[in-house]
């Protein structure tokens, strides 16, 4: 990169989905933001309920969910249960980082 060159890096978007789009997804959003705070990738974490998932999910890089989602989304989908139980949470964070391309 040349001195003075400005590059635009697209922010990665993670959609956190739960049944009601409130408490459960908010807990996951908070844990995700904390876990990704030191990752050198700009990340936007958005929460919603399953009915609010955009079809097609344009601009969404990853979906983390606690409920079943449609299988035809063409976006990587990870279970967010580890953020709720604490079991394998570190492995899930690594998988999230892998999927957003750190």
Protein backbone atom coordinates (compact mmCIF):
# COMPACT_ATOMS: atom_id res chain seq x y z
CA UNK A 1 0.00 0.00 0.00
CA UNK A 2 1.30 3.44 -0.91
CA UNK A 3 1.69 6.25 1.57
CA UNK A 4 -1.45 8.35 1.67
CA UNK A 5 -3.63 5.65 0.12
CA UNK A 6 -7.02 5.31 1.75
CA UNK A 7 -8.58 1.89 1.77
CA UNK A 8 -12.12 1.07 2.67
CA UNK A 9 -12.58 -2.10 4.65
CA UNK A 10 -16.12 -3.42 4.73
CA UNK A 11 -17.42 -4.04 8.20
CA UNK A 12 -18.36 -7.68 8.81
CA UNK A 13 -21.95 -8.20 9.92
CA UNK A 14 -23.00 -10.92 12.33
CA UNK A 15 -26.70 -11.54 12.83
CA UNK A 16 -27.63 -13.04 16.21
CA UNK A 17 -30.99 -14.80 16.06
CA UNK A 18 -33.24 -16.10 18.83
CA UNK A 19 -36.93 -16.89 19.15
CA UNK A 20 -38.07 -13.50 20.44
CA UNK A 21 -35.08 -11.35 19.45
CA UNK A 22 -34.67 -9.98 22.96
CA UNK A 23 -32.99 -11.39 26.07
CA UNK A 24 -31.23 -14.46 24.68
CA UNK A 25 -29.85 -12.71 21.62
CA UNK A 26 -28.87 -9.67 23.73
CA UNK A 27 -26.79 -11.89 26.02
CA UNK A 28 -25.05 -13.42 23.00
CA UNK A 29 -24.50 -9.99 21.41
CA UNK A 30 -22.84 -8.73 24.60
CA UNK A 31 -20.57 -11.78 24.85
CA UNK A 32 -19.69 -11.57 21.16
CA UNK A 33 -18.80 -7.89 21.31
CA UNK A 34 -16.56 -8.53 24.31
CA UNK A 35 -14.90 -11.56 22.67
CA UNK A 36 -14.32 -9.72 19.38
CA UNK A 37 -13.14 -6.43 20.90
CA UNK A 38 -9.48 -7.27 20.27
CA UNK A 39 -9.95 -8.76 16.80
CA UNK A 40 -8.54 -6.50 14.07
CA UNK A 41 -11.70 -6.82 11.95
CA UNK A 42 -14.51 -4.29 12.07
CA UNK A 43 -17.61 -6.16 13.17
CA UNK A 44 -21.22 -5.09 13.52
CA UNK A 45 -23.36 -7.41 15.62
CA UNK A 46 -27.12 -7.19 15.09
CA UNK A 47 -29.83 -9.07 16.96
CA UNK A 48 -33.21 -10.18 15.65
CA UNK A 49 -35.87 -12.83 15.89
CA UNK A 50 -36.00 -15.64 13.35
CA UNK A 51 -38.89 -14.06 11.42
CA UNK A 52 -36.77 -10.93 10.85
CA UNK A 53 -33.90 -12.67 9.05
CA UNK A 54 -33.65 -10.91 5.69
CA UNK A 55 -34.23 -13.13 2.64
CA UNK A 56 -31.77 -13.17 1.03
CA UNK A 57 -29.46 -12.10 3.86
CA UNK A 58 -27.55 -9.56 1.75
CA UNK A 59 -24.59 -8.08 3.59
CA UNK A 60 -24.74 -10.61 6.43
CA UNK A 61 -21.47 -12.53 6.84
CA UNK A 62 -22.45 -14.91 9.63
CA UNK A 63 -25.55 -15.96 11.55
CA UNK A 64 -25.36 -17.15 15.15
CA UNK A 65 -28.61 -18.67 16.36
CA UNK A 66 -30.26 -20.40 19.28
CA UNK A 67 -33.23 -21.57 17.19
CA UNK A 68 -33.62 -23.39 13.87
CA UNK A 69 -33.23 -21.10 10.85
CA UNK A 70 -34.01 -21.74 7.18
CA UNK A 71 -31.38 -23.94 5.55
CA UNK A 72 -31.34 -21.98 2.27
CA UNK A 73 -29.70 -18.80 3.60
CA UNK A 74 -26.32 -19.24 1.82
CA UNK A 75 -24.59 -17.72 4.85
CA UNK A 76 -22.59 -19.65 7.46
CA UNK A 77 -24.77 -20.47 10.47
CA UNK A 78 -23.40 -21.35 13.92
CA UNK A 79 -25.24 -22.42 17.05
CA UNK A 80 -24.94 -19.82 19.79
CA UNK A 81 -25.75 -22.20 22.63
CA UNK A 82 -22.14 -22.18 23.86
CA UNK A 83 -22.54 -18.49 24.72
CA UNK A 84 -25.53 -19.38 26.90
CA UNK A 85 -24.12 -22.44 28.63
CA UNK A 86 -20.44 -21.49 28.73
CA UNK A 87 -19.56 -24.97 27.44
CA UNK A 88 -17.11 -24.72 24.50
CA UNK A 89 -17.53 -20.94 24.39
CA UNK A 90 -13.86 -20.42 23.52
CA UNK A 91 -14.16 -22.84 20.58
CA UNK A 92 -17.22 -20.98 19.32
CA UNK A 93 -15.36 -17.68 19.47
CA UNK A 94 -12.56 -19.24 17.38
CA UNK A 95 -15.14 -20.49 14.86
CA UNK A 96 -16.72 -17.03 14.66
CA UNK A 97 -13.31 -15.44 14.02
CA UNK A 98 -12.57 -18.04 11.35
CA UNK A 99 -15.88 -17.28 9.62
CA UNK A 100 -15.48 -13.51 9.60
CA UNK A 101 -12.01 -13.77 8.14
CA UNK A 102 -9.60 -12.43 10.73
